[in-house]
Amino acid sequence: MWETTDPDGRRVLLASERWLHVTEEHDELREELSAILDGLAHPARRRRGREPSEEWFYLSGPGPTRFVKVVVHYESGEGRIVTAFPRRRFP
């Protein structure tokens, strides 16, 4: 389990099984764990997710593409990273 904070100072957790999910689907992010966790505190862009408890963070720099999208679900003021994947552009 890893921990970081978002731009609002809220605690965000990344469970080992979620990181395994990310790297199984996107091997190119395997070496980017630290950059993703560090970048979550200062994303290039941020949007509301599809659900009220979800936010999308776009990190500039890690990975082989222009952005990495990180999906975080919040519950009781604490976030959990659900997935992360490369994006060529901001949608």
Protein backbone atom coordinates (compact mmCIF):
# COMPACT_ATOMS: atom_id res chain seq x y z
CA MET A 1 0.00 0.00 0.00
CA TRP A 2 1.28 3.45 -0.94
CA GLU A 3 0.06 6.87 0.15
CA THR A 4 0.12 10.40 -1.23
CA THR A 5 -2.02 13.54 -1.06
CA ASP A 6 -4.12 15.31 -3.67
CA PRO A 7 -4.06 19.09 -4.34
CA ASP A 8 -6.63 19.61 -1.56
CA GLY A 9 -4.43 17.81 0.99
CA ARG A 10 -6.66 14.75 1.15
CA ARG A 11 -5.03 11.39 1.75
CA VAL A 12 -4.98 9.14 -1.34
CA LEU A 13 -4.08 5.46 -1.13
CA LEU A 14 -2.88 3.04 -3.78
CA ALA A 15 -3.36 -0.62 -2.92
CA SER A 16 -0.95 -3.22 -4.27
CA GLU A 17 -3.69 -4.98 -6.21
CA ARG A 18 -4.66 -1.73 -7.97
CA TRP A 19 -1.02 -1.08 -8.93
CA LEU A 20 -0.83 -4.63 -10.25
CA HIS A 21 -3.96 -3.93 -12.32
CA VAL A 22 -2.35 -0.78 -13.77
CA THR A 23 0.92 -2.48 -14.67
CA GLU A 24 -0.74 -5.58 -16.12
CA GLU A 25 -2.76 -3.37 -18.47
CA HIS A 26 -0.08 -0.72 -19.09
CA ASP A 27 3.40 -2.18 -18.70
CA GLU A 28 4.90 1.13 -19.84
CA LEU A 29 3.93 2.63 -16.45
CA ARG A 30 5.74 -0.05 -14.42
CA GLU A 31 8.69 2.28 -13.61
CA GLU A 32 6.49 5.33 -13.00
CA LEU A 33 5.03 4.61 -9.56
CA SER A 34 6.93 7.40 -7.77
CA ALA A 35 6.21 9.93 -10.52
CA ILE A 36 2.51 9.09 -10.41
CA LEU A 37 2.28 9.38 -6.64
CA ASP A 38 4.30 12.61 -6.59
CA GLY A 39 2.40 14.06 -9.53
CA LEU A 40 -0.99 13.52 -7.97
CA ALA A 41 -0.34 16.40 -5.56
CA HIS A 42 0.29 18.78 -8.49
CA PRO A 43 -1.59 17.53 -11.56
CA ALA A 44 -1.41 19.30 -14.90
CA ARG A 45 -5.21 19.13 -15.06
CA ARG A 46 -8.07 17.92 -12.94
CA ARG A 47 -11.70 17.06 -13.73
CA ARG A 48 -14.75 15.63 -12.06
CA GLY A 49 -15.29 11.97 -12.81
CA ARG A 50 -18.42 10.27 -14.06
CA GLU A 51 -19.59 9.57 -10.52
CA PRO A 52 -19.97 12.18 -7.75
CA SER A 53 -17.25 10.49 -5.67
CA GLU A 54 -14.76 10.27 -8.55
CA GLU A 55 -12.06 12.67 -9.77
CA TRP A 56 -9.70 12.43 -12.72
CA PHE A 57 -6.16 13.75 -12.45
CA TYR A 58 -4.00 14.27 -15.52
CA LEU A 59 -0.30 14.15 -14.82
CA SER A 60 2.20 15.58 -17.25
CA GLY A 61 5.53 13.84 -17.55
CA PRO A 62 5.35 10.23 -16.36
CA GLY A 63 5.09 7.51 -18.93
CA PRO A 64 5.59 7.43 -22.66
CA THR A 65 2.71 9.77 -23.56
CA ARG A 66 1.84 13.39 -22.88
CA PHE A 67 -0.42 12.63 -19.90
CA VAL A 68 -1.21 9.87 -17.44
CA LYS A 69 -4.82 9.84 -16.28
CA VAL A 70 -5.30 8.74 -12.67
CA VAL A 71 -8.81 7.87 -11.50
CA VAL A 72 -9.45 8.38 -7.78
CA HIS A 73 -12.60 7.44 -5.85
CA TYR A 74 -13.27 9.31 -2.60
CA GLU A 75 -15.14 8.11 0.43
CA SER A 76 -15.29 9.87 3.80
CA GLY A 77 -12.66 12.40 2.69
CA GLU A 78 -10.10 9.77 1.68
CA GLY A 79 -9.23 8.71 -1.85
CA ARG A 80 -8.25 5.43 -3.42
CA ILE A 81 -6.59 5.16 -6.79
CA VAL A 82 -8.67 2.86 -8.97
CA THR A 83 -6.60 2.94 -12.15
CA ALA A 84 -4.09 4.92 -14.18
CA PHE A 85 -3.33 4.85 -17.88
CA PRO A 86 -1.49 6.84 -20.56
CA ARG A 87 -3.32 9.53 -22.55
CA ARG A 88 -1.94 11.29 -25.61
CA ARG A 89 -4.06 14.35 -25.06
CA PHE A 90 -6.42 15.97 -22.65
CA PRO A 91 -10.00 15.02 -23.62
